[in-house]
Amino acid sequence: MAEGIIKRLTDKGFGFIDTGGSKDLFFHKSSVQGSFDAMQEGQKVSYTEGRGPKGPCAENVKTV
């Protein structure tokens, strides 16, 4: 599993992970293993990269 840092969370139930590359990776709260509400910006997470309807996205997101 890859690791990154939560860059931004929204109150609409999605966020973005800084992967260390040139682009951030989108994730939806339905892809979070555990509680989305307990996550915070700047927190380290692990994830697998998947493909959503609008392009790459993070799946199986969980805190490290």
C-alpha atoms as a PDB file:
ATOM      1  CA  MET A   1       0.000   0.000   0.000  1.00  0.00           C
ATOM      2  CA  ALA A   2       1.138   3.517  -0.758  1.00  0.00           C
ATOM      3  CA  GLU A   3       1.288   6.245   1.880  1.00  0.00           C
ATOM      4  CA  GLY A   4       0.547   9.954   1.796  1.00  0.00           C
ATOM      5  CA  ILE A   5      -0.651  12.913   3.850  1.00  0.00           C
ATOM      6  CA  ILE A   6      -4.211  14.232   3.941  1.00  0.00           C
ATOM      7  CA  LYS A   7      -3.958  17.626   2.291  1.00  0.00           C
ATOM      8  CA  ARG A   8      -7.592  18.713   2.415  1.00  0.00           C
ATOM      9  CA  LEU A   9     -10.900  17.452   3.822  1.00  0.00           C
ATOM     10  CA  THR A  10     -14.341  18.837   3.022  1.00  0.00           C
ATOM     11  CA  ASP A  11     -17.626  18.776   4.903  1.00  0.00           C
ATOM     12  CA  LYS A  12     -19.177  17.154   1.813  1.00  0.00           C
ATOM     13  CA  GLY A  13     -17.467  13.823   2.526  1.00  0.00           C
ATOM     14  CA  PHE A  14     -14.372  13.804   0.376  1.00  0.00           C
ATOM     15  CA  GLY A  15     -10.750  14.811   0.538  1.00  0.00           C
ATOM     16  CA  PHE A  16      -7.394  14.879  -1.192  1.00  0.00           C
ATOM     17  CA  ILE A  17      -4.169  13.053  -0.381  1.00  0.00           C
ATOM     18  CA  ASP A  18      -0.730  14.537  -1.076  1.00  0.00           C
ATOM     19  CA  THR A  19       1.064  11.578  -2.638  1.00  0.00           C
ATOM     20  CA  GLY A  20       4.416  13.326  -2.925  1.00  0.00           C
ATOM     21  CA  GLY A  21       3.967  13.511  -6.700  1.00  0.00           C
ATOM     22  CA  SER A  22       2.769  16.277  -8.954  1.00  0.00           C
ATOM     23  CA  LYS A  23      -0.967  15.691  -8.365  1.00  0.00           C
ATOM     24  CA  ASP A  24      -3.128  15.085  -5.302  1.00  0.00           C
ATOM     25  CA  LEU A  25      -5.315  11.988  -5.155  1.00  0.00           C
ATOM     26  CA  PHE A  26      -9.077  12.289  -4.556  1.00  0.00           C
ATOM     27  CA  PHE A  27     -10.886  10.040  -2.069  1.00  0.00           C
ATOM     28  CA  HIS A  28     -14.500   9.712  -0.945  1.00  0.00           C
ATOM     29  CA  LYS A  29     -15.594   8.898   2.602  1.00  0.00           C
ATOM     30  CA  SER A  30     -16.984   5.568   1.352  1.00  0.00           C
ATOM     31  CA  SER A  31     -13.351   4.560   0.605  1.00  0.00           C
ATOM     32  CA  VAL A  32     -12.225   5.137   4.207  1.00  0.00           C
ATOM     33  CA  GLN A  33     -11.574   2.132   6.443  1.00  0.00           C
ATOM     34  CA  GLY A  34     -12.780   3.504   9.785  1.00  0.00           C
ATOM     35  CA  SER A  35     -14.277   6.905  10.522  1.00  0.00           C
ATOM     36  CA  PHE A  36     -14.021   9.732   7.986  1.00  0.00           C
ATOM     37  CA  ASP A  37     -15.016  12.210  10.712  1.00  0.00           C
ATOM     38  CA  ALA A  38     -12.000  11.219  12.838  1.00  0.00           C
ATOM     39  CA  MET A  39      -9.539  12.107  10.049  1.00  0.00           C
ATOM     40  CA  GLN A  40      -7.610  15.379  10.107  1.00  0.00           C
ATOM     41  CA  GLU A  41      -5.642  17.385   7.579  1.00  0.00           C
ATOM     42  CA  GLY A  42      -1.917  16.634   7.881  1.00  0.00           C
ATOM     43  CA  GLN A  43      -2.557  13.064   9.046  1.00  0.00           C
ATOM     44  CA  LYS A  44      -0.587  10.212   7.456  1.00  0.00           C
ATOM     45  CA  VAL A  45      -2.663   7.580   5.633  1.00  0.00           C
ATOM     46  CA  SER A  46      -2.141   4.454   3.583  1.00  0.00           C
ATOM     47  CA  TYR A  47      -4.194   3.704   0.466  1.00  0.00           C
ATOM     48  CA  THR A  48      -4.379   1.783  -2.779  1.00  0.00           C
ATOM     49  CA  GLU A  49      -4.720   3.676  -6.021  1.00  0.00           C
ATOM     50  CA  GLY A  50      -7.842   2.928  -8.005  1.00  0.00           C
ATOM     51  CA  ARG A  51      -9.836   4.314 -10.891  1.00  0.00           C
ATOM     52  CA  GLY A  52     -13.041   6.298 -10.402  1.00  0.00           C
ATOM     53  CA  PRO A  53     -15.491   7.696 -12.949  1.00  0.00           C
ATOM     54  CA  LYS A  54     -13.472  10.932 -13.189  1.00  0.00           C
ATOM     55  CA  GLY A  55      -9.962   9.485 -13.034  1.00  0.00           C
ATOM     56  CA  PRO A  56      -7.518   8.185 -10.430  1.00  0.00           C
ATOM     57  CA  CYS A  57      -8.689   8.000  -6.824  1.00  0.00           C
ATOM     58  CA  ALA A  58      -7.624   6.501  -3.500  1.00  0.00           C
ATOM     59  CA  GLU A  59      -9.337   3.379  -2.165  1.00  0.00           C
ATOM     60  CA  ASN A  60      -9.003   1.517   1.151  1.00  0.00           C
ATOM     61  CA  VAL A  61      -7.841   4.704   2.883  1.00  0.00           C
ATOM     62  CA  LYS A  62      -6.799   4.238   6.520  1.00  0.00           C
ATOM     63  CA  THR A  63      -4.738   6.132   9.039  1.00  0.00           C
ATOM     64  CA  VAL A  64      -1.194   4.982   9.755  1.00  0.00           C
END
